[in-house]
């Protein structure tokens, strides 16, 4: 099989190459503004994780948009699904950055039969995802008050009960991040059911977290804040061989994290994104509607706030 030398080049406005990245040594290459990316573009219109180039076993490459705010295009056409690349294709990052894909020699297309499932490259795809993010309120001050040993034990107990509750509501844990958890309900079918499951899950997590605080004899109630949002995101295995994780990424995830940060600031237990609220009518009509400026977004985000007691009544 002829693999050919592959690279990605950044073009200036006149179409001249000003920087080149070799596409070697791994099978996926992330493009974005964040320092964790393989190809870093430091401008405001590039999302933190904007797009990914993924090489198949036969050497052919596909481009996948990672739910970026300003979009990814191939030869002027915005892409929404994984798209095969040919040498010379122009990749637009938003409307102001142009990259070109270069591949010397066209790989022969052969059927690859993997002897080990771990060798199979899972394909990234877009899907409708409902995201729930919960974190423990005032975690930093609690840690300072009770010490590292005690807070570690509480986190161990909390993550265990979270796993049980999310499983009961048919969700999946995407990741734990310190005192926070990101859970997902994936699929376009039964969207309303997924949103109700996620809200019911948040409500039960609140109850169980309060009970945990009493069980370990904390002076103050152990509470959580939560954010729920739904929309299109990219799901699949992200990473290089030996280190892939099935996860959900894209602008939807970033916005949901920002919404969760708002809960304490606006004095609400739960904040629900506008797309999720649409599926809750007429329930959402009794929620507190607001327009919020979140980090990384030029335009304000519409969301709805609720207390857990109010949420329990609604559900």
Protein backbone atom coordinates (compact mmCIF):
# COMPACT_ATOMS: atom_id res chain seq x y z
CA UNK A 1 0.00 0.00 0.00
CA UNK A 2 1.34 3.44 -0.95
CA UNK A 3 0.71 5.87 1.89
CA UNK A 4 2.29 9.05 0.48
CA UNK A 5 3.58 12.03 2.42
CA UNK A 6 0.75 14.13 3.83
CA UNK A 7 0.80 17.63 5.28
CA UNK A 8 -1.40 20.61 6.06
CA UNK A 9 -0.38 24.13 5.08
CA UNK A 10 -1.59 27.56 6.16
CA UNK A 11 -2.17 30.02 3.31
CA UNK A 12 -2.06 33.80 3.30
CA UNK A 13 -4.59 35.95 1.45
CA UNK A 14 -2.60 35.60 -1.78
CA UNK A 15 -2.57 31.79 -1.53
CA UNK A 16 1.07 31.51 -0.50
CA UNK A 17 2.11 28.87 2.03
CA UNK A 18 3.29 30.49 5.25
CA UNK A 19 3.40 27.46 7.57
CA UNK A 20 3.26 23.67 7.17
CA UNK A 21 2.44 20.83 9.56
CA UNK A 22 3.38 17.22 8.65
CA UNK A 23 0.54 14.73 9.15
CA UNK A 24 2.66 11.84 10.38
CA UNK A 25 3.22 9.64 13.44
CA UNK A 26 -0.45 9.49 14.46
CA UNK A 27 -3.87 8.95 12.93
CA UNK A 28 -5.75 12.06 14.12
CA UNK A 29 -4.78 15.72 14.16
CA UNK A 30 -6.85 18.27 16.04
CA UNK A 31 -7.11 21.85 14.78
CA UNK A 32 -8.06 24.62 17.18
CA UNK A 33 -7.15 27.63 19.27
CA UNK A 34 -6.27 25.69 22.44
CA UNK A 35 -2.71 24.63 23.23
CA UNK A 36 -3.78 20.98 23.46
CA UNK A 37 -4.31 20.84 19.69
CA UNK A 38 -1.86 19.42 17.16
CA UNK A 39 -2.40 22.36 14.78
CA UNK A 40 -2.82 25.60 16.73
CA UNK A 41 -4.42 28.63 15.10
CA UNK A 42 -4.31 31.61 17.43
CA UNK A 43 -7.21 33.76 16.29
CA UNK A 44 -10.60 34.58 17.77
CA UNK A 45 -12.70 32.95 15.02
CA UNK A 46 -11.14 29.54 15.57
CA UNK A 47 -12.89 27.48 18.26
CA UNK A 48 -10.84 25.96 21.06
CA UNK A 49 -11.34 22.55 19.41
CA UNK A 50 -12.43 23.40 15.88
CA UNK A 51 -11.88 20.42 13.57
CA UNK A 52 -10.00 17.18 13.24
CA UNK A 53 -8.25 15.39 10.38
CA UNK A 54 -8.42 11.63 10.73
CA UNK A 55 -6.39 9.13 8.74
CA UNK A 56 -7.86 5.73 7.92
CA UNK A 57 -5.81 2.53 7.83
CA UNK A 58 -5.55 2.86 4.04
CA UNK A 59 -3.93 6.31 4.33
CA UNK A 60 -6.92 8.34 3.18
CA UNK A 61 -7.87 11.39 5.27
CA UNK A 62 -11.24 12.73 6.38
CA UNK A 63 -12.05 16.15 7.81
CA UNK A 64 -14.55 16.45 10.64
CA UNK A 65 -15.92 19.67 12.13
CA UNK A 66 -16.01 19.48 15.94
CA UNK A 67 -19.16 21.53 16.41
CA UNK A 68 -17.28 24.80 15.96
CA UNK A 69 -19.06 28.14 16.22
CA UNK A 70 -17.85 29.49 12.85
CA UNK A 71 -17.80 26.21 10.95
CA UNK A 72 -15.40 24.29 8.73
CA UNK A 73 -15.60 24.20 4.94
CA UNK A 74 -14.01 22.15 2.15
CA UNK A 75 -13.51 24.07 -1.09
CA UNK A 76 -16.08 26.64 0.03
CA UNK A 77 -18.76 24.15 1.13
CA UNK A 78 -19.47 23.97 4.86
CA UNK A 79 -19.25 20.41 6.17
CA UNK A 80 -21.53 18.80 8.73
CA UNK A 81 -20.40 15.18 8.41
CA UNK A 82 -16.98 13.50 7.97
CA UNK A 83 -15.72 14.48 4.49
CA UNK A 84 -13.02 12.74 2.42
CA UNK A 85 -10.02 14.92 1.52
CA UNK A 86 -8.12 15.00 -1.76
CA UNK A 87 -4.73 16.59 -2.28
CA UNK A 88 -5.14 20.29 -3.01
CA UNK A 89 -8.43 20.68 -1.14
CA UNK A 90 -8.86 24.01 0.62
CA UNK A 91 -10.04 23.79 4.23
CA UNK A 92 -11.72 26.90 5.59
CA UNK A 93 -11.60 27.54 9.33
CA UNK A 94 -14.43 30.00 9.76
CA UNK A 95 -14.39 32.47 6.87
CA UNK A 96 -10.96 34.00 7.44
CA UNK A 97 -8.39 31.19 7.65
CA UNK A 98 -7.55 28.86 4.77
CA UNK A 99 -5.52 25.67 4.98
CA UNK A 100 -4.65 23.33 2.14
CA UNK A 101 -4.33 19.55 2.36
CA UNK A 102 -1.34 18.09 0.53
CA UNK A 103 -0.81 14.39 -0.14
CA UNK A 104 1.88 12.99 -2.41
CA UNK A 105 0.59 9.86 -4.11
CA UNK A 106 -2.94 8.50 -3.82
CA UNK A 107 -3.19 5.59 -1.38
CA UNK A 108 -4.46 2.30 -2.70
CA UNK A 109 -7.84 1.48 -1.17
CA UNK A 110 -7.57 -1.94 0.43
CA UNK A 111 -9.85 -3.65 2.85
CA UNK A 112 -8.25 -3.74 6.26
CA UNK A 113 -9.17 -6.57 8.60
CA UNK A 114 -8.08 -5.84 12.14
CA UNK A 115 -7.11 -8.84 14.25
CA UNK A 116 -7.58 -6.82 17.39
CA UNK A 117 -10.59 -4.58 18.02
CA UNK A 118 -8.27 -2.01 19.61
CA UNK A 119 -6.70 -1.40 16.19
CA UNK A 120 -10.00 -0.29 14.69
CA UNK A 121 -10.36 3.46 14.34
CA UNK A 122 -13.82 4.49 15.51
CA UNK A 123 -15.35 7.12 13.23
CA UNK A 124 -16.39 10.49 14.55
CA UNK A 125 -19.91 11.62 13.74
CA UNK A 126 -22.40 14.31 14.67
CA UNK A 127 -25.44 13.43 16.72
CA UNK A 128 -28.05 15.07 18.92
CA UNK A 129 -26.68 15.15 22.44
CA UNK A 130 -28.27 16.17 25.73
CA UNK A 131 -25.61 17.22 28.23
CA UNK A 132 -25.89 17.48 32.01
CA UNK A 133 -23.07 19.05 34.02
CA UNK A 134 -23.20 19.02 37.83
CA UNK A 135 -20.67 20.23 40.35
CA UNK A 136 -20.42 20.61 44.10
CA UNK A 137 -21.16 24.14 45.30
CA UNK A 138 -18.46 26.04 47.23
CA UNK A 139 -16.05 23.14 46.78
CA UNK A 140 -12.89 25.21 47.30
CA UNK A 141 -13.99 26.66 50.64
CA UNK A 142 -15.23 23.22 51.74
CA UNK A 143 -11.82 21.71 50.91
CA UNK A 144 -10.05 24.38 52.96
CA UNK A 145 -12.41 23.79 55.88
CA UNK A 146 -12.24 20.00 56.17
CA UNK A 147 -8.81 19.21 54.66
CA UNK A 148 -7.52 17.11 51.78
CA UNK A 149 -8.10 13.70 53.36
CA UNK A 150 -11.76 14.33 54.20
CA UNK A 151 -12.56 16.01 50.87
CA UNK A 152 -10.97 13.10 48.98
CA UNK A 153 -13.20 10.66 50.86
CA UNK A 154 -16.31 12.75 50.10
CA UNK A 155 -15.40 12.90 46.40
CA UNK A 156 -14.95 9.13 46.36
CA UNK A 157 -18.41 8.61 47.87
CA UNK A 158 -19.96 11.28 45.63
CA UNK A 159 -18.60 9.85 42.37
CA UNK A 160 -19.85 6.40 43.36
CA UNK A 161 -23.41 7.60 43.98
CA UNK A 162 -23.33 9.68 40.79
CA UNK A 163 -22.53 6.59 38.73
CA UNK A 164 -25.52 4.77 40.25
CA UNK A 165 -27.96 7.66 39.70
CA UNK A 166 -26.90 8.39 36.11
CA UNK A 167 -27.14 4.70 35.22
CA UNK A 168 -30.64 4.61 36.70
CA UNK A 169 -31.67 7.46 34.40
CA UNK A 170 -30.14 5.77 31.34
CA UNK A 171 -27.36 8.33 30.91
CA UNK A 172 -23.63 7.87 30.36
CA UNK A 173 -20.78 9.49 32.25
CA UNK A 174 -18.51 11.22 29.76
CA UNK A 175 -15.96 12.42 32.30
CA UNK A 176 -15.29 13.56 35.85
CA UNK A 177 -13.47 16.88 36.20
CA UNK A 178 -12.52 17.42 39.84
CA UNK A 179 -15.78 18.08 41.68
CA UNK A 180 -17.85 18.08 38.47
CA UNK A 181 -19.36 15.41 36.24
CA UNK A 182 -20.43 15.57 32.59
CA UNK A 183 -23.15 13.11 31.63
CA UNK A 184 -24.76 12.57 28.22
CA UNK A 185 -27.90 11.21 26.62
CA UNK A 186 -27.19 10.65 22.92
CA UNK A 187 -29.62 10.25 20.02
CA UNK A 188 -32.10 12.20 17.92
CA UNK A 189 -34.95 9.85 18.76
CA UNK A 190 -36.80 10.44 22.03
CA UNK A 191 -35.19 13.84 22.53
CA UNK A 192 -37.91 15.00 24.92
CA UNK A 193 -37.51 11.82 26.96
CA UNK A 194 -33.72 12.32 27.13
CA UNK A 195 -34.17 15.86 28.45
CA UNK A 196 -36.69 14.73 31.07
CA UNK A 197 -34.35 11.89 32.07
CA UNK A 198 -31.46 14.34 32.46
CA UNK A 199 -33.53 16.75 34.57
CA UNK A 200 -34.85 13.92 36.74
CA UNK A 201 -31.25 12.75 37.12
CA UNK A 202 -30.14 16.22 38.27
CA UNK A 203 -32.96 16.33 40.79
CA UNK A 204 -32.07 12.94 42.25
CA UNK A 205 -28.37 13.87 42.32
CA UNK A 206 -29.30 16.93 44.37
CA UNK A 207 -31.26 14.81 46.87
CA UNK A 208 -28.48 12.20 47.14
CA UNK A 209 -25.78 14.85 47.53
CA UNK A 210 -27.70 16.46 50.42
CA UNK A 211 -28.05 13.03 52.06
CA UNK A 212 -24.33 12.40 51.64
CA UNK A 213 -23.50 15.69 53.36
CA UNK A 214 -25.63 14.67 56.36
CA UNK A 215 -24.09 11.19 56.43
CA UNK A 216 -20.56 12.57 56.74
CA UNK A 217 -21.67 15.18 59.29
CA UNK A 218 -20.84 18.34 57.37
CA UNK A 219 -21.75 21.60 59.09
CA UNK A 220 -23.36 23.07 55.97
CA UNK A 221 -25.62 21.30 53.42
CA UNK A 222 -23.72 19.65 50.55
CA UNK A 223 -25.31 21.07 47.41
CA UNK A 224 -24.80 20.91 43.67
CA UNK A 225 -25.39 23.26 40.76
CA UNK A 226 -26.42 21.90 37.35
CA UNK A 227 -26.69 22.94 33.71
CA UNK A 228 -28.54 21.13 30.95
CA UNK A 229 -28.27 21.77 27.24
CA UNK A 230 -29.05 19.93 24.02
CA UNK A 231 -27.93 20.24 20.42
CA UNK A 232 -25.61 18.80 17.80
CA UNK A 233 -22.15 17.71 18.90
CA UNK A 234 -19.41 15.39 17.68
CA UNK A 235 -19.20 11.99 19.36
CA UNK A 236 -16.57 9.32 18.92
CA UNK A 237 -13.12 8.21 19.96
CA UNK A 238 -10.73 11.12 20.38
CA UNK A 239 -6.99 10.64 20.79
CA UNK A 240 -4.15 8.62 19.40
CA UNK A 241 -3.61 4.87 19.47
CA UNK A 242 -3.56 3.48 22.99
CA UNK A 243 -5.19 6.57 24.46
CA UNK A 244 -8.62 6.97 22.85
CA UNK A 245 -11.64 7.93 24.88
CA UNK A 246 -15.23 7.87 23.68
CA UNK A 247 -16.40 11.38 24.33
CA UNK A 248 -18.52 14.28 23.13
CA UNK A 249 -16.87 17.52 22.03
CA UNK A 250 -17.80 20.79 20.38
CA UNK A 251 -19.32 24.17 21.06
CA UNK A 252 -22.31 22.59 22.83
CA UNK A 253 -20.03 21.25 25.57
CA UNK A 254 -18.23 24.58 26.00
CA UNK A 255 -21.49 26.55 26.27
CA UNK A 256 -22.95 24.09 28.79
CA UNK A 257 -19.89 24.48 31.03
CA UNK A 258 -20.28 28.26 30.84
CA UNK A 259 -23.97 28.00 31.72
CA UNK A 260 -23.16 25.85 34.74
CA UNK A 261 -20.77 28.55 35.95
CA UNK A 262 -23.72 30.97 35.89
CA UNK A 263 -25.90 29.04 38.36
CA UNK A 264 -24.31 30.45 41.49
CA UNK A 265 -24.06 33.94 40.02
CA UNK A 266 -27.78 34.16 39.18
CA UNK A 267 -28.90 32.36 42.34
CA UNK A 268 -30.41 29.31 40.63
CA UNK A 269 -29.80 25.60 41.17
CA UNK A 270 -30.29 24.62 37.53
CA UNK A 271 -29.89 26.48 34.26
CA UNK A 272 -31.40 25.05 31.07
CA UNK A 273 -30.35 25.99 27.54
CA UNK A 274 -32.94 27.37 25.12
CA UNK A 275 -32.95 24.29 22.84
CA UNK A 276 -33.64 21.99 25.77
CA UNK A 277 -36.33 24.35 27.11
CA UNK A 278 -38.20 24.12 23.79
CA UNK A 279 -38.81 20.44 24.50
CA UNK A 280 -40.22 21.27 27.95
CA UNK A 281 -43.15 23.43 26.88
CA UNK A 282 -45.43 24.33 28.55
CA UNK A 283 -43.27 23.56 31.62
CA UNK A 284 -40.56 26.04 30.59
CA UNK A 285 -43.04 28.93 30.61
CA UNK A 286 -42.83 29.07 34.40
CA UNK A 287 -39.01 29.17 34.41
CA UNK A 288 -36.94 32.35 34.73
CA UNK A 289 -35.82 33.31 31.23
CA UNK A 290 -32.62 35.30 30.83
CA UNK A 291 -30.06 36.40 28.26
CA UNK A 292 -26.47 35.85 29.37
CA UNK A 293 -23.04 36.73 28.05
CA UNK A 294 -20.76 33.72 28.34
CA UNK A 295 -17.02 33.48 27.78
CA UNK A 296 -16.07 32.57 24.22
CA UNK A 297 -19.36 33.77 22.70
CA UNK A 298 -19.88 37.17 21.09
CA UNK A 299 -23.65 36.84 21.14
CA UNK A 300 -25.59 36.36 24.36
CA UNK A 301 -27.05 32.95 25.20
CA UNK A 302 -30.70 32.50 26.17
CA UNK A 303 -31.27 30.14 29.09
CA UNK A 304 -33.82 29.36 31.81
CA UNK A 305 -33.15 29.14 35.53
CA UNK A 306 -34.91 27.04 38.17
CA UNK A 307 -34.53 25.90 41.76
CA UNK A 308 -34.57 22.19 42.57
CA UNK A 309 -37.85 22.59 44.47
CA UNK A 310 -39.40 24.24 41.43
CA UNK A 311 -37.96 21.57 39.16
CA UNK A 312 -39.46 18.84 41.34
CA UNK A 313 -42.88 20.47 41.04
CA UNK A 314 -42.55 20.79 37.27
CA UNK A 315 -41.50 17.19 36.74
